[in-house]
């Protein structure tokens, strides 16, 4: 039971990270439609921060799932 709950939680976290990663990309694209240079710079930095944090989290979740899968396959 714990194993299924762990896999479900990891998949859910990966999906949330993917959602916010796509949100960051959409913010990045929307920044180019702004006319004010100050808001453009703010939006670019904010979207890049969102993208970098969520890409790192997504890579971490996937890496952890791969390692656990390899470990369970050996048993």
C-alpha atoms as a PDB file:
ATOM      1  CA  UNK A   1       0.000   0.000   0.000  1.00  0.00           C
ATOM      2  CA  UNK A   2       2.824   2.395   0.857  1.00  0.00           C
ATOM      3  CA  UNK A   3       4.468   1.734  -2.489  1.00  0.00           C
ATOM      4  CA  UNK A   4       1.385   2.672  -4.496  1.00  0.00           C
ATOM      5  CA  UNK A   5       0.893   5.788  -2.393  1.00  0.00           C
ATOM      6  CA  UNK A   6       4.531   6.814  -2.931  1.00  0.00           C
ATOM      7  CA  UNK A   7       4.307   6.326  -6.706  1.00  0.00           C
ATOM      8  CA  UNK A   8       1.022   8.239  -6.829  1.00  0.00           C
ATOM      9  CA  UNK A   9       2.527  11.086  -4.844  1.00  0.00           C
ATOM     10  CA  UNK A  10       5.621  11.266  -7.040  1.00  0.00           C
ATOM     11  CA  UNK A  11       3.526  11.242 -10.213  1.00  0.00           C
ATOM     12  CA  UNK A  12       1.276  13.954  -8.802  1.00  0.00           C
ATOM     13  CA  UNK A  13       4.287  16.108  -7.874  1.00  0.00           C
ATOM     14  CA  UNK A  14       5.759  15.602 -11.347  1.00  0.00           C
ATOM     15  CA  UNK A  15       2.460  16.659 -12.929  1.00  0.00           C
ATOM     16  CA  UNK A  16       2.290  19.790 -10.766  1.00  0.00           C
ATOM     17  CA  UNK A  17       5.878  20.664 -11.701  1.00  0.00           C
ATOM     18  CA  UNK A  18       5.024  20.127 -15.375  1.00  0.00           C
ATOM     19  CA  UNK A  19       1.995  22.402 -15.070  1.00  0.00           C
ATOM     20  CA  UNK A  20       4.004  25.224 -13.517  1.00  0.00           C
ATOM     21  CA  UNK A  21       6.789  24.681 -16.051  1.00  0.00           C
ATOM     22  CA  UNK A  22       4.293  25.204 -18.866  1.00  0.00           C
ATOM     23  CA  UNK A  23       2.897  28.226 -16.998  1.00  0.00           C
ATOM     24  CA  UNK A  24       6.395  29.709 -16.854  1.00  0.00           C
ATOM     25  CA  UNK A  25       6.871  29.169 -20.570  1.00  0.00           C
ATOM     26  CA  UNK A  26       3.543  30.855 -21.304  1.00  0.00           C
ATOM     27  CA  UNK A  27       4.581  33.823 -19.129  1.00  0.00           C
ATOM     28  CA  UNK A  28       7.858  34.001 -21.022  1.00  0.00           C
ATOM     29  CA  UNK A  29       6.013  34.130 -24.341  1.00  0.00           C
ATOM     30  CA  UNK A  30       3.512  36.680 -23.006  1.00  0.00           C
ATOM     31  CA  UNK A  31       6.346  38.969 -21.907  1.00  0.00           C
ATOM     32  CA  UNK A  32       7.156  39.741 -25.528  1.00  0.00           C
ATOM     33  CA  UNK A  33       3.694  41.271 -26.009  1.00  0.00           C
ATOM     34  CA  UNK A  34       4.300  43.940 -23.362  1.00  0.00           C
ATOM     35  CA  UNK A  35       5.005  47.525 -24.379  1.00  0.00           C
ATOM     36  CA  UNK A  36       6.636  48.778 -21.173  1.00  0.00           C
ATOM     37  CA  UNK A  37      10.329  47.780 -20.955  1.00  0.00           C
ATOM     38  CA  UNK A  38      10.263  47.698 -17.140  1.00  0.00           C
ATOM     39  CA  UNK A  39       7.417  45.186 -17.036  1.00  0.00           C
ATOM     40  CA  UNK A  40       9.082  43.239 -19.834  1.00  0.00           C
ATOM     41  CA  UNK A  41      12.276  42.787 -17.793  1.00  0.00           C
ATOM     42  CA  UNK A  42      10.292  41.884 -14.663  1.00  0.00           C
ATOM     43  CA  UNK A  43       8.211  39.341 -16.541  1.00  0.00           C
ATOM     44  CA  UNK A  44      11.253  37.759 -18.192  1.00  0.00           C
ATOM     45  CA  UNK A  45      13.057  37.335 -14.867  1.00  0.00           C
ATOM     46  CA  UNK A  46       9.945  36.019 -13.119  1.00  0.00           C
ATOM     47  CA  UNK A  47       9.183  33.512 -15.862  1.00  0.00           C
ATOM     48  CA  UNK A  48      12.789  32.321 -15.967  1.00  0.00           C
ATOM     49  CA  UNK A  49      12.756  31.790 -12.210  1.00  0.00           C
ATOM     50  CA  UNK A  50       9.533  29.788 -12.453  1.00  0.00           C
ATOM     51  CA  UNK A  51      10.939  27.731 -15.329  1.00  0.00           C
ATOM     52  CA  UNK A  52      14.251  26.994 -13.614  1.00  0.00           C
ATOM     53  CA  UNK A  53      12.733  26.017 -10.262  1.00  0.00           C
ATOM     54  CA  UNK A  54      10.106  23.737 -11.765  1.00  0.00           C
ATOM     55  CA  UNK A  55      12.480  22.176 -14.282  1.00  0.00           C
ATOM     56  CA  UNK A  56      14.823  21.328 -11.413  1.00  0.00           C
ATOM     57  CA  UNK A  57      11.982  19.867  -9.365  1.00  0.00           C
ATOM     58  CA  UNK A  58      10.717  17.836 -12.318  1.00  0.00           C
ATOM     59  CA  UNK A  59      14.175  16.440 -13.033  1.00  0.00           C
ATOM     60  CA  UNK A  60      14.542  15.544  -9.349  1.00  0.00           C
ATOM     61  CA  UNK A  61      11.197  13.739  -9.184  1.00  0.00           C
ATOM     62  CA  UNK A  62      11.853  11.792 -12.371  1.00  0.00           C
ATOM     63  CA  UNK A  63      15.394  10.929 -11.261  1.00  0.00           C
ATOM     64  CA  UNK A  64      14.091   9.654  -7.918  1.00  0.00           C
ATOM     65  CA  UNK A  65      11.412   7.541  -9.611  1.00  0.00           C
ATOM     66  CA  UNK A  66      13.960   6.035 -12.009  1.00  0.00           C
ATOM     67  CA  UNK A  67      16.319   5.149  -9.154  1.00  0.00           C
ATOM     68  CA  UNK A  68      13.547   3.529  -7.109  1.00  0.00           C
ATOM     69  CA  UNK A  69      12.341   1.601 -10.161  1.00  0.00           C
ATOM     70  CA  UNK A  70      15.872   0.305 -10.826  1.00  0.00           C
ATOM     71  CA  UNK A  71      16.246  -0.641  -7.149  1.00  0.00           C
ATOM     72  CA  UNK A  72      12.930  -2.495  -7.080  1.00  0.00           C
ATOM     73  CA  UNK A  73      13.774  -4.255 -10.337  1.00  0.00           C
ATOM     74  CA  UNK A  74      16.955  -5.695  -8.772  1.00  0.00           C
ATOM     75  CA  UNK A  75      15.085  -7.172  -5.803  1.00  0.00           C
END
